[in-house]
Amino acid sequence: MVKVYGEIPTRFGYGDGLVELGKKDERIFVLSADLTSSTCSDRFQKSFPDRFIEMGIAEQDMLGTAAGLALSGKIPFVSTYSVFVTGRAFDQIRTTICYANLNVKIGGAHGGISVGPDGATHQALEDIALMRVLPNMKVIVPADYWETKKATMLAPYIDGPVFIRFGREKVPVITKENDHFDFGKGIILKEGKDIAIIANGLMVHQALFAVEILQKKGIFATVINLHTVKPLDKEMILDIAKLTNGIVTAEEHQIYGGLGSAVAEFLSQNYPIPIKIIGIKDRFGESGKPKELLEKFGLTADHIVRECLKVMEMKNGK
C-alpha cells in the first residue's frame, strides 16, 4: 500500500519555508503581487513585515524590483500565481534576471489544472516549459508539502534564478520531514525492472498507485520522483533507461516542453527507447473540481497504467 501521511497543500510548504528562512537569513525578502494569502507568503509578512513588499497587481514591476534587491545583496522571493509570473513577466525574467544570472527566486503558485474552479485563465499549464527554456534558470516541481518546504529553504543557496512550482489544493503527503532532498537529483521510490515511471508534482502519488495496479498484472515498475526538471538528473535517467528499456513520464503540464520533453530530449540523443508522455494534450484547462479535472485530462493512476502497457507492447515489438 502507498503510504500517505495526511493531505496538505504544497503552498503551505512554501509559506512555512519562507518563515524558516526569514529566521536564519536577514537577506531574505519576499514580494507579492496582490496574492499574499493565496501564495501563503502572508506567513512571512506577519513575521517579518520590514522585509515584505506588496507590489499590487504589477508582476513586471515585481520582477524588476526583485532584480534590484538581488543586485544589492538581498535574496528576494517573488510570489504569485505561476500563470501570471511566467506569462506576464517573461521578458523581465528573461532579460533582467536570467541574462544577468541574478539570485532571484520565483514562487509559482496554483500550478496545473488542479487549481480547479478558477478555470483556464488561472491554470498554469505552460509554465515549466517557459522557465525550462531560459539559460541559467533552475526548475523544481516538488511532490508534496515537505518537498516544497525543503525546495524553498534550499533555493537561496542555489546560484542564480530558481523557479519553484506548487499547487493550491490539498495533496497527499508521501515524504517525511527527515527524507533526503537533493537539488538536481531524482529519488527512486519503487524499484522494478520491467518499466520506469518518471513523475513530479502530484503525479508522483498517482505513479505510486499505478505501480500497485501493474504488480497485479505481473509488471514490476520503478518510480522516480524527478522533482528537479532543470538541471536534469541525466545519470539516473540513463541508468534506469538501460535497466528497463521503457519509460512513461507523468506531469500536470502540457505534454510539450515539460518533464516528458526533457527526458525524451535527453534519451533520444543518448539511449533511445520507447517513451510515452502523460500530460495535458495541447489544450487549455477548464473550470471544475480538481479530482474531476484530473480524471478528464488523463492524469490518474489508471491512465498511467494504460500508457505503461502500451510501452510494454512497444518493447515486445507488438
C-alpha atoms as a PDB file:
ATOM      1  CA  MET A   1       0.000   0.000   0.000  1.00  0.00           C
ATOM      2  CA  VAL A   2       1.119   3.552  -0.763  1.00  0.00           C
ATOM      3  CA  LYS A   3       1.999   5.301   2.484  1.00  0.00           C
ATOM      4  CA  VAL A   4       0.278   8.666   2.875  1.00  0.00           C
ATOM      5  CA  TYR A   5       0.894  10.970   5.824  1.00  0.00           C
ATOM      6  CA  GLY A   6      -2.183  13.154   5.534  1.00  0.00           C
ATOM      7  CA  GLU A   7      -3.044  15.791   2.938  1.00  0.00           C
ATOM      8  CA  ILE A   8      -1.629  19.336   2.909  1.00  0.00           C
ATOM      9  CA  PRO A   9      -1.468  21.949   0.128  1.00  0.00           C
ATOM     10  CA  THR A  10       2.042  22.333  -1.269  1.00  0.00           C
ATOM     11  CA  ARG A  11       1.703  26.123  -1.000  1.00  0.00           C
ATOM     12  CA  PHE A  12       1.749  25.702   2.777  1.00  0.00           C
ATOM     13  CA  GLY A  13       5.240  24.261   2.422  1.00  0.00           C
ATOM     14  CA  TYR A  14       6.294  27.373   0.501  1.00  0.00           C
ATOM     15  CA  GLY A  15       4.909  29.707   3.169  1.00  0.00           C
ATOM     16  CA  ASP A  16       6.407  27.759   6.050  1.00  0.00           C
ATOM     17  CA  GLY A  17       9.753  27.531   4.269  1.00  0.00           C
ATOM     18  CA  LEU A  18       9.846  31.307   3.816  1.00  0.00           C
ATOM     19  CA  VAL A  19       9.293  31.849   7.539  1.00  0.00           C
ATOM     20  CA  GLU A  20      12.106  29.454   8.448  1.00  0.00           C
ATOM     21  CA  LEU A  21      14.403  31.221   6.000  1.00  0.00           C
ATOM     22  CA  GLY A  22      13.485  34.597   7.429  1.00  0.00           C
ATOM     23  CA  LYS A  23      14.535  33.491  10.887  1.00  0.00           C
ATOM     24  CA  LYS A  24      18.032  32.459   9.872  1.00  0.00           C
ATOM     25  CA  ASP A  25      18.916  34.792   6.989  1.00  0.00           C
ATOM     26  CA  GLU A  26      18.292  38.547   7.096  1.00  0.00           C
ATOM     27  CA  ARG A  27      18.951  38.796   3.359  1.00  0.00           C
ATOM     28  CA  ILE A  28      15.615  37.089   2.586  1.00  0.00           C
ATOM     29  CA  PHE A  29      12.947  39.431   1.191  1.00  0.00           C
ATOM     30  CA  VAL A  30       9.508  38.392  -0.047  1.00  0.00           C
ATOM     31  CA  LEU A  31       7.493  40.222  -2.702  1.00  0.00           C
ATOM     32  CA  SER A  32       3.862  39.582  -3.562  1.00  0.00           C
ATOM     33  CA  ALA A  33       1.622  40.638  -6.457  1.00  0.00           C
ATOM     34  CA  ASP A  34      -1.688  41.046  -4.605  1.00  0.00           C
ATOM     35  CA  LEU A  35      -1.940  37.322  -3.838  1.00  0.00           C
ATOM     36  CA  THR A  36      -0.288  37.281  -0.440  1.00  0.00           C
ATOM     37  CA  SER A  37      -2.731  34.948   1.285  1.00  0.00           C
ATOM     38  CA  SER A  38      -3.204  32.636  -1.692  1.00  0.00           C
ATOM     39  CA  THR A  39       0.522  32.019  -2.012  1.00  0.00           C
ATOM     40  CA  CYS A  40       0.938  31.722   1.789  1.00  0.00           C
ATOM     41  CA  SER A  41       3.554  34.475   1.708  1.00  0.00           C
ATOM     42  CA  ASP A  42       1.395  36.227   4.321  1.00  0.00           C
ATOM     43  CA  ARG A  43       3.104  33.954   6.846  1.00  0.00           C
ATOM     44  CA  PHE A  44       6.378  35.723   6.109  1.00  0.00           C
ATOM     45  CA  GLN A  45       4.641  39.096   6.059  1.00  0.00           C
ATOM     46  CA  LYS A  46       3.336  38.623   9.601  1.00  0.00           C
ATOM     47  CA  SER A  47       6.725  37.535  10.932  1.00  0.00           C
ATOM     48  CA  PHE A  48       8.963  39.951   9.011  1.00  0.00           C
ATOM     49  CA  PRO A  49       6.905  42.959   7.826  1.00  0.00           C
ATOM     50  CA  ASP A  50      10.039  45.061   7.225  1.00  0.00           C
ATOM     51  CA  ARG A  51      11.267  42.543   4.655  1.00  0.00           C
ATOM     52  CA  PHE A  52       7.963  42.106   2.846  1.00  0.00           C
ATOM     53  CA  ILE A  53       6.842  44.200  -0.145  1.00  0.00           C
ATOM     54  CA  GLU A  54       3.299  44.159  -1.515  1.00  0.00           C
ATOM     55  CA  MET A  55       3.627  45.159  -5.160  1.00  0.00           C
ATOM     56  CA  GLY A  56      -0.033  45.018  -6.121  1.00  0.00           C
ATOM     57  CA  ILE A  57      -1.137  43.647  -9.477  1.00  0.00           C
ATOM     58  CA  ALA A  58       2.174  44.522 -11.111  1.00  0.00           C
ATOM     59  CA  GLU A  59       4.075  41.347 -11.889  1.00  0.00           C
ATOM     60  CA  GLN A  60       6.572  43.011 -14.219  1.00  0.00           C
ATOM     61  CA  ASP A  61       7.408  45.676 -11.647  1.00  0.00           C
ATOM     62  CA  MET A  62       7.747  42.963  -9.013  1.00  0.00           C
ATOM     63  CA  LEU A  63      10.406  41.111 -11.020  1.00  0.00           C
ATOM     64  CA  GLY A  64      12.272  44.352 -11.729  1.00  0.00           C
ATOM     65  CA  THR A  65      12.234  45.236  -8.041  1.00  0.00           C
ATOM     66  CA  ALA A  66      13.449  41.748  -7.172  1.00  0.00           C
ATOM     67  CA  ALA A  67      16.340  42.189  -9.597  1.00  0.00           C
ATOM     68  CA  GLY A  68      17.322  45.410  -7.836  1.00  0.00           C
ATOM     69  CA  LEU A  69      17.205  43.709  -4.447  1.00  0.00           C
ATOM     70  CA  ALA A  70      19.404  40.893  -5.742  1.00  0.00           C
ATOM     71  CA  LEU A  71      21.943  43.386  -7.083  1.00  0.00           C
ATOM     72  CA  SER A  72      22.083  44.983  -3.632  1.00  0.00           C
ATOM     73  CA  GLY A  73      22.933  41.675  -1.962  1.00  0.00           C
ATOM     74  CA  LYS A  74      19.458  40.596  -0.871  1.00  0.00           C
ATOM     75  CA  ILE A  75      17.800  37.285  -1.738  1.00  0.00           C
ATOM     76  CA  PRO A  76      14.288  38.056  -2.986  1.00  0.00           C
ATOM     77  CA  PHE A  77      11.414  35.610  -3.411  1.00  0.00           C
ATOM     78  CA  VAL A  78       8.623  36.746  -5.717  1.00  0.00           C
ATOM     79  CA  SER A  79       5.248  35.135  -5.045  1.00  0.00           C
ATOM     80  CA  THR A  80       2.192  34.955  -7.260  1.00  0.00           C
ATOM     81  CA  TYR A  81       0.230  32.562  -9.451  1.00  0.00           C
ATOM     82  CA  SER A  82       2.510  30.673 -11.789  1.00  0.00           C
ATOM     83  CA  VAL A  83       0.462  31.555 -14.863  1.00  0.00           C
ATOM     84  CA  PHE A  84       0.907  35.269 -14.115  1.00  0.00           C
ATOM     85  CA  VAL A  85       4.578  35.353 -13.209  1.00  0.00           C
ATOM     86  CA  THR A  86       5.787  33.182 -16.102  1.00  0.00           C
ATOM     87  CA  GLY A  87       3.462  34.737 -18.675  1.00  0.00           C
ATOM     88  CA  ARG A  88       3.095  38.420 -17.836  1.00  0.00           C
ATOM     89  CA  ALA A  89       6.660  38.906 -16.598  1.00  0.00           C
ATOM     90  CA  PHE A  90       8.519  36.625 -19.020  1.00  0.00           C
ATOM     91  CA  ASP A  91      10.564  39.451 -20.522  1.00  0.00           C
ATOM     92  CA  GLN A  92      11.703  40.671 -17.102  1.00  0.00           C
ATOM     93  CA  ILE A  93      12.624  37.126 -16.052  1.00  0.00           C
ATOM     94  CA  ARG A  94      14.489  36.519 -19.297  1.00  0.00           C
ATOM     95  CA  THR A  95      16.297  39.792 -19.892  1.00  0.00           C
ATOM     96  CA  THR A  96      16.684  41.325 -16.438  1.00  0.00           C
ATOM     97  CA  ILE A  97      17.128  38.247 -14.251  1.00  0.00           C
ATOM     98  CA  CYS A  98      18.328  35.237 -16.254  1.00  0.00           C
ATOM     99  CA  TYR A  99      20.609  37.149 -18.612  1.00  0.00           C
ATOM    100  CA  ALA A 100      22.442  38.584 -15.588  1.00  0.00           C
ATOM    101  CA  ASN A 101      22.104  35.310 -13.623  1.00  0.00           C
ATOM    102  CA  LEU A 102      20.655  37.188 -10.652  1.00  0.00           C
ATOM    103  CA  ASN A 103      19.870  35.464  -7.369  1.00  0.00           C
ATOM    104  CA  VAL A 104      16.073  35.823  -7.644  1.00  0.00           C
ATOM    105  CA  LYS A 105      13.734  33.043  -6.524  1.00  0.00           C
ATOM    106  CA  ILE A 106      10.289  32.659  -8.109  1.00  0.00           C
ATOM    107  CA  GLY A 107       7.399  31.019  -6.290  1.00  0.00           C
ATOM    108  CA  GLY A 108       4.883  29.907  -8.921  1.00  0.00           C
ATOM    109  CA  ALA A 109       1.665  29.071  -7.082  1.00  0.00           C
ATOM    110  CA  HIS A 110      -1.509  27.364  -8.295  1.00  0.00           C
ATOM    111  CA  GLY A 111       0.260  25.331 -10.967  1.00  0.00           C
ATOM    112  CA  GLY A 112      -1.627  22.860 -13.161  1.00  0.00           C
ATOM    113  CA  ILE A 113      -5.307  22.122 -13.670  1.00  0.00           C
ATOM    114  CA  SER A 114      -5.817  21.100 -10.031  1.00  0.00           C
ATOM    115  CA  VAL A 115      -6.459  24.781  -9.315  1.00  0.00           C
ATOM    116  CA  GLY A 116      -9.992  23.678 -10.196  1.00  0.00           C
ATOM    117  CA  PRO A 117     -12.837  26.198 -10.426  1.00  0.00           C
ATOM    118  CA  ASP A 118     -10.555  29.136 -11.311  1.00  0.00           C
ATOM    119  CA  GLY A 119     -10.521  27.783 -14.854  1.00  0.00           C
ATOM    120  CA  ALA A 120      -8.254  28.056 -17.872  1.00  0.00           C
ATOM    121  CA  THR A 121      -7.072  31.634 -17.319  1.00  0.00           C
ATOM    122  CA  HIS A 122      -5.593  30.732 -13.931  1.00  0.00           C
ATOM    123  CA  GLN A 123      -4.366  27.195 -14.655  1.00  0.00           C
ATOM    124  CA  ALA A 124      -0.656  27.275 -15.469  1.00  0.00           C
ATOM    125  CA  LEU A 125      -0.011  24.507 -17.984  1.00  0.00           C
ATOM    126  CA  GLU A 126       2.908  26.055 -19.866  1.00  0.00           C
ATOM    127  CA  ASP A 127       4.970  27.491 -17.016  1.00  0.00           C
ATOM    128  CA  ILE A 128       7.567  24.737 -16.758  1.00  0.00           C
ATOM    129  CA  ALA A 129       8.263  24.954 -20.492  1.00  0.00           C
ATOM    130  CA  LEU A 130       8.663  28.725 -20.321  1.00  0.00           C
ATOM    131  CA  MET A 131      11.092  28.551 -17.412  1.00  0.00           C
ATOM    132  CA  ARG A 132      12.998  25.473 -18.576  1.00  0.00           C
ATOM    133  CA  VAL A 133      13.980  27.087 -21.863  1.00  0.00           C
ATOM    134  CA  LEU A 134      15.726  30.030 -20.181  1.00  0.00           C
ATOM    135  CA  PRO A 135      19.502  29.872 -19.716  1.00  0.00           C
ATOM    136  CA  ASN A 136      20.589  29.984 -16.039  1.00  0.00           C
ATOM    137  CA  MET A 137      17.084  29.169 -14.742  1.00  0.00           C
ATOM    138  CA  LYS A 138      16.646  26.182 -12.435  1.00  0.00           C
ATOM    139  CA  VAL A 139      13.223  24.485 -12.199  1.00  0.00           C
ATOM    140  CA  ILE A 140      11.835  22.500  -9.259  1.00  0.00           C
ATOM    141  CA  VAL A 141       8.409  20.820  -9.087  1.00  0.00           C
ATOM    142  CA  PRO A 142       8.015  19.308  -5.585  1.00  0.00           C
ATOM    143  CA  ALA A 143       5.708  16.367  -4.920  1.00  0.00           C
ATOM    144  CA  ASP A 144       4.221  17.375  -1.561  1.00  0.00           C
ATOM    145  CA  TYR A 145       4.351  19.698   1.456  1.00  0.00           C
ATOM    146  CA  TRP A 146       7.733  18.579   2.759  1.00  0.00           C
ATOM    147  CA  GLU A 147       9.432  18.714  -0.609  1.00  0.00           C
ATOM    148  CA  THR A 148       8.055  22.196  -1.248  1.00  0.00           C
ATOM    149  CA  LYS A 149       9.324  23.421   2.112  1.00  0.00           C
ATOM    150  CA  LYS A 150      12.747  21.866   1.513  1.00  0.00           C
ATOM    151  CA  ALA A 151      12.969  23.282  -2.025  1.00  0.00           C
ATOM    152  CA  THR A 152      12.053  26.738  -0.720  1.00  0.00           C
ATOM    153  CA  MET A 153      14.668  26.602   2.028  1.00  0.00           C
ATOM    154  CA  LEU A 154      17.324  25.338  -0.376  1.00  0.00           C
ATOM    155  CA  ALA A 155      16.617  27.832  -3.186  1.00  0.00           C
ATOM    156  CA  PRO A 156      18.512  30.851  -1.740  1.00  0.00           C
ATOM    157  CA  TYR A 157      21.714  28.855  -1.729  1.00  0.00           C
ATOM    158  CA  ILE A 158      21.445  27.675  -5.339  1.00  0.00           C
ATOM    159  CA  ASP A 159      23.321  30.126  -7.503  1.00  0.00           C
ATOM    160  CA  GLY A 160      21.172  32.224  -9.819  1.00  0.00           C
ATOM    161  CA  PRO A 161      17.432  32.228 -10.589  1.00  0.00           C
ATOM    162  CA  VAL A 162      15.245  29.375  -9.324  1.00  0.00           C
ATOM    163  CA  PHE A 163      11.612  28.635 -10.194  1.00  0.00           C
ATOM    164  CA  ILE A 164       9.573  26.564  -7.712  1.00  0.00           C
ATOM    165  CA  ARG A 165       6.152  25.392  -8.874  1.00  0.00           C
ATOM    166  CA  PHE A 166       3.473  24.362  -6.380  1.00  0.00           C
ATOM    167  CA  GLY A 167      -0.301  23.988  -6.133  1.00  0.00           C
ATOM    168  CA  ARG A 168      -3.364  25.211  -4.297  1.00  0.00           C
ATOM    169  CA  GLU A 169      -5.339  22.137  -3.278  1.00  0.00           C
ATOM    170  CA  LYS A 170      -4.534  19.582  -0.606  1.00  0.00           C
ATOM    171  CA  VAL A 171      -2.392  16.746  -1.948  1.00  0.00           C
ATOM    172  CA  PRO A 172      -1.200  13.537  -0.273  1.00  0.00           C
ATOM    173  CA  VAL A 173       1.970  13.862   1.781  1.00  0.00           C
ATOM    174  CA  ILE A 174       4.144  10.983   0.607  1.00  0.00           C
ATOM    175  CA  THR A 175       7.517  12.069   2.001  1.00  0.00           C
ATOM    176  CA  LYS A 176       8.669  12.703   5.553  1.00  0.00           C
ATOM    177  CA  GLU A 177      10.387  15.620   7.220  1.00  0.00           C
ATOM    178  CA  ASN A 178      13.705  13.789   7.507  1.00  0.00           C
ATOM    179  CA  ASP A 179      13.729  12.360   3.977  1.00  0.00           C
ATOM    180  CA  HIS A 180      16.691  13.419   1.866  1.00  0.00           C
ATOM    181  CA  PHE A 181      16.079  16.134  -0.748  1.00  0.00           C
ATOM    182  CA  ASP A 182      18.913  16.928  -3.139  1.00  0.00           C
ATOM    183  CA  PHE A 183      18.571  19.636  -5.762  1.00  0.00           C
ATOM    184  CA  GLY A 184      19.166  18.155  -9.220  1.00  0.00           C
ATOM    185  CA  LYS A 185      18.846  14.545  -8.063  1.00  0.00           C
ATOM    186  CA  GLY A 186      15.918  12.206  -8.651  1.00  0.00           C
ATOM    187  CA  ILE A 187      14.563   9.925  -5.946  1.00  0.00           C
ATOM    188  CA  ILE A 188      13.808   6.246  -6.574  1.00  0.00           C
ATOM    189  CA  LEU A 189      10.634   5.454  -4.620  1.00  0.00           C
ATOM    190  CA  LYS A 190       9.987   1.971  -6.020  1.00  0.00           C
ATOM    191  CA  GLU A 191      12.226  -0.464  -7.861  1.00  0.00           C
ATOM    192  CA  GLY A 192      11.254  -2.710 -10.756  1.00  0.00           C
ATOM    193  CA  LYS A 193      12.978  -3.967 -13.872  1.00  0.00           C
ATOM    194  CA  ASP A 194      10.119  -4.026 -16.386  1.00  0.00           C
ATOM    195  CA  ILE A 195       9.370  -0.334 -16.892  1.00  0.00           C
ATOM    196  CA  ALA A 196      10.046   3.046 -15.294  1.00  0.00           C
ATOM    197  CA  ILE A 197       7.590   5.791 -14.384  1.00  0.00           C
ATOM    198  CA  ILE A 198       9.170   9.230 -14.015  1.00  0.00           C
ATOM    199  CA  ALA A 199       6.888  11.806 -12.413  1.00  0.00           C
ATOM    200  CA  ASN A 200       6.852  15.039 -10.435  1.00  0.00           C
ATOM    201  CA  GLY A 201       4.357  17.163  -8.521  1.00  0.00           C
ATOM    202  CA  LEU A 202       1.085  15.500  -7.588  1.00  0.00           C
ATOM    203  CA  MET A 203       1.626  12.890 -10.298  1.00  0.00           C
ATOM    204  CA  VAL A 204       4.214  11.135  -8.103  1.00  0.00           C
ATOM    205  CA  HIS A 205       1.379   9.957  -5.865  1.00  0.00           C
ATOM    206  CA  GLN A 206      -0.571   8.713  -8.876  1.00  0.00           C
ATOM    207  CA  ALA A 207       2.538   6.894 -10.139  1.00  0.00           C
ATOM    208  CA  LEU A 208       2.861   5.013  -6.860  1.00  0.00           C
ATOM    209  CA  PHE A 209      -0.735   3.827  -7.133  1.00  0.00           C
ATOM    210  CA  ALA A 210      -0.125   2.802 -10.745  1.00  0.00           C
ATOM    211  CA  VAL A 211       2.714   0.526  -9.580  1.00  0.00           C
ATOM    212  CA  GLU A 212       0.318  -1.405  -7.357  1.00  0.00           C
ATOM    213  CA  ILE A 213      -2.066  -1.961 -10.271  1.00  0.00           C
ATOM    214  CA  LEU A 214       0.780  -3.037 -12.542  1.00  0.00           C
ATOM    215  CA  GLN A 215       2.061  -5.530  -9.987  1.00  0.00           C
ATOM    216  CA  LYS A 216      -1.274  -7.322 -10.103  1.00  0.00           C
ATOM    217  CA  LYS A 217      -0.687  -7.713 -13.849  1.00  0.00           C
ATOM    218  CA  GLY A 218       2.778  -9.145 -13.266  1.00  0.00           C
ATOM    219  CA  ILE A 219       4.614  -5.973 -14.293  1.00  0.00           C
ATOM    220  CA  PHE A 220       7.177  -4.504 -11.914  1.00  0.00           C
ATOM    221  CA  ALA A 221       7.892  -0.804 -12.303  1.00  0.00           C
ATOM    222  CA  THR A 222      10.436   1.644 -10.998  1.00  0.00           C
ATOM    223  CA  VAL A 223       9.056   5.006  -9.830  1.00  0.00           C
ATOM    224  CA  ILE A 224      11.305   8.058  -9.913  1.00  0.00           C
ATOM    225  CA  ASN A 225      10.325  11.330  -8.279  1.00  0.00           C
ATOM    226  CA  LEU A 226      12.128  13.772 -10.570  1.00  0.00           C
ATOM    227  CA  HIS A 227      11.379  16.960  -8.654  1.00  0.00           C
ATOM    228  CA  THR A 228      14.152  18.886 -10.436  1.00  0.00           C
ATOM    229  CA  VAL A 229      13.285  19.345 -14.097  1.00  0.00           C
ATOM    230  CA  LYS A 230      16.327  21.532 -14.741  1.00  0.00           C
ATOM    231  CA  PRO A 231      19.086  20.544 -14.309  1.00  0.00           C
ATOM    232  CA  LEU A 232      18.048  17.023 -15.217  1.00  0.00           C
ATOM    233  CA  ASP A 233      19.436  14.035 -13.327  1.00  0.00           C
ATOM    234  CA  LYS A 234      20.874  12.545 -16.504  1.00  0.00           C
ATOM    235  CA  GLU A 235      22.858   9.831 -14.755  1.00  0.00           C
ATOM    236  CA  MET A 236      19.791   8.386 -13.021  1.00  0.00           C
ATOM    237  CA  ILE A 237      17.654   8.596 -16.156  1.00  0.00           C
ATOM    238  CA  LEU A 238      20.283   6.853 -18.250  1.00  0.00           C
ATOM    239  CA  ASP A 239      20.768   4.107 -15.668  1.00  0.00           C
ATOM    240  CA  ILE A 240      17.043   3.414 -15.376  1.00  0.00           C
ATOM    241  CA  ALA A 241      16.603   3.502 -19.162  1.00  0.00           C
ATOM    242  CA  LYS A 242      19.264   0.825 -19.564  1.00  0.00           C
ATOM    243  CA  LEU A 243      17.645  -1.274 -16.847  1.00  0.00           C
ATOM    244  CA  THR A 244      14.018  -1.127 -18.022  1.00  0.00           C
ATOM    245  CA  ASN A 245      14.196  -0.153 -21.733  1.00  0.00           C
ATOM    246  CA  GLY A 246      10.842   1.579 -21.385  1.00  0.00           C
ATOM    247  CA  ILE A 247       9.707   4.810 -19.719  1.00  0.00           C
ATOM    248  CA  VAL A 248       6.452   6.638 -19.012  1.00  0.00           C
ATOM    249  CA  THR A 249       6.581  10.234 -17.769  1.00  0.00           C
ATOM    250  CA  ALA A 250       3.722  11.892 -15.890  1.00  0.00           C
ATOM    251  CA  GLU A 251       3.225  15.584 -15.143  1.00  0.00           C
ATOM    252  CA  GLU A 252       0.474  18.138 -14.551  1.00  0.00           C
ATOM    253  CA  HIS A 253       1.598  20.250 -17.502  1.00  0.00           C
ATOM    254  CA  GLN A 254       1.398  20.408 -21.271  1.00  0.00           C
ATOM    255  CA  ILE A 255       2.948  17.391 -22.983  1.00  0.00           C
ATOM    256  CA  TYR A 256       5.214  19.859 -24.798  1.00  0.00           C
ATOM    257  CA  GLY A 257       8.197  21.439 -23.107  1.00  0.00           C
ATOM    258  CA  GLY A 258       7.932  19.942 -19.627  1.00  0.00           C
ATOM    259  CA  LEU A 259       9.274  16.909 -17.799  1.00  0.00           C
ATOM    260  CA  GLY A 260       8.418  14.456 -20.563  1.00  0.00           C
ATOM    261  CA  SER A 261      10.082  16.597 -23.192  1.00  0.00           C
ATOM    262  CA  ALA A 262      13.209  16.955 -21.061  1.00  0.00           C
ATOM    263  CA  VAL A 263      13.507  13.189 -20.580  1.00  0.00           C
ATOM    264  CA  ALA A 264      12.753  12.422 -24.228  1.00  0.00           C
ATOM    265  CA  GLU A 265      15.221  15.025 -25.493  1.00  0.00           C
ATOM    266  CA  PHE A 266      18.000  13.539 -23.409  1.00  0.00           C
ATOM    267  CA  LEU A 267      17.317   9.876 -24.168  1.00  0.00           C
ATOM    268  CA  SER A 268      16.772  10.437 -27.898  1.00  0.00           C
ATOM    269  CA  GLN A 269      20.390  11.525 -28.125  1.00  0.00           C
ATOM    270  CA  ASN A 270      21.887   9.091 -25.644  1.00  0.00           C
ATOM    271  CA  TYR A 271      19.829   5.896 -25.343  1.00  0.00           C
ATOM    272  CA  PRO A 272      16.670   5.811 -27.490  1.00  0.00           C
ATOM    273  CA  ILE A 273      13.955   3.596 -26.001  1.00  0.00           C
ATOM    274  CA  PRO A 274      10.118   3.533 -26.094  1.00  0.00           C
ATOM    275  CA  ILE A 275       8.668   6.508 -24.176  1.00  0.00           C
ATOM    276  CA  LYS A 276       5.141   7.708 -23.501  1.00  0.00           C
ATOM    277  CA  ILE A 277       4.452  11.207 -22.133  1.00  0.00           C
ATOM    278  CA  ILE A 278       1.420  11.773 -19.900  1.00  0.00           C
ATOM    279  CA  GLY A 279       0.238  15.363 -19.509  1.00  0.00           C
ATOM    280  CA  ILE A 280      -2.204  17.910 -20.884  1.00  0.00           C
ATOM    281  CA  LYS A 281      -2.652  17.171 -24.573  1.00  0.00           C
ATOM    282  CA  ASP A 282      -2.224  20.558 -26.249  1.00  0.00           C
ATOM    283  CA  ARG A 283      -5.332  22.247 -24.896  1.00  0.00           C
ATOM    284  CA  PHE A 284      -6.358  24.723 -22.238  1.00  0.00           C
ATOM    285  CA  GLY A 285      -7.828  23.731 -18.912  1.00  0.00           C
ATOM    286  CA  GLU A 286     -11.351  24.352 -17.723  1.00  0.00           C
ATOM    287  CA  SER A 287     -13.329  25.010 -14.577  1.00  0.00           C
ATOM    288  CA  GLY A 288     -14.263  22.048 -12.405  1.00  0.00           C
ATOM    289  CA  LYS A 289     -13.490  20.117  -9.256  1.00  0.00           C
ATOM    290  CA  PRO A 290      -9.796  19.142  -9.094  1.00  0.00           C
ATOM    291  CA  LYS A 291     -10.376  15.375  -8.951  1.00  0.00           C
ATOM    292  CA  GLU A 292     -12.832  15.524 -11.837  1.00  0.00           C
ATOM    293  CA  LEU A 293     -10.364  17.518 -13.926  1.00  0.00           C
ATOM    294  CA  LEU A 294      -7.521  15.104 -13.230  1.00  0.00           C
ATOM    295  CA  GLU A 295      -9.721  12.272 -14.466  1.00  0.00           C
ATOM    296  CA  LYS A 296     -10.955  14.147 -17.530  1.00  0.00           C
ATOM    297  CA  PHE A 297      -7.459  15.215 -18.559  1.00  0.00           C
ATOM    298  CA  GLY A 298      -5.990  11.744 -18.084  1.00  0.00           C
ATOM    299  CA  LEU A 299      -3.859  12.404 -15.008  1.00  0.00           C
ATOM    300  CA  THR A 300      -4.682   9.395 -12.841  1.00  0.00           C
ATOM    301  CA  ALA A 301      -3.091   6.077 -11.923  1.00  0.00           C
ATOM    302  CA  ASP A 302      -5.347   4.241 -14.376  1.00  0.00           C
ATOM    303  CA  HIS A 303      -4.113   6.399 -17.239  1.00  0.00           C
ATOM    304  CA  ILE A 304      -0.517   5.786 -16.226  1.00  0.00           C
ATOM    305  CA  VAL A 305      -1.173   2.037 -16.253  1.00  0.00           C
ATOM    306  CA  ARG A 306      -2.627   2.199 -19.771  1.00  0.00           C
ATOM    307  CA  GLU A 307       0.426   4.017 -21.104  1.00  0.00           C
ATOM    308  CA  CYS A 308       2.751   1.587 -19.337  1.00  0.00           C
ATOM    309  CA  LEU A 309       1.012  -1.318 -21.047  1.00  0.00           C
ATOM    310  CA  LYS A 310       1.481   0.406 -24.411  1.00  0.00           C
ATOM    311  CA  VAL A 311       5.189   0.821 -23.730  1.00  0.00           C
ATOM    312  CA  MET A 312       5.443  -2.842 -22.761  1.00  0.00           C
ATOM    313  CA  GLU A 313       3.898  -3.753 -26.123  1.00  0.00           C
ATOM    314  CA  MET A 314       6.354  -1.479 -27.899  1.00  0.00           C
ATOM    315  CA  LYS A 315       9.234  -3.173 -26.084  1.00  0.00           C
ATOM    316  CA  ASN A 316       7.944  -6.565 -27.134  1.00  0.00           C
ATOM    317  CA  GLY A 317       7.628  -5.488 -30.752  1.00  0.00           C
ATOM    318  CA  LYS A 318       3.848  -5.738 -30.975  1.00  0.00           C
END
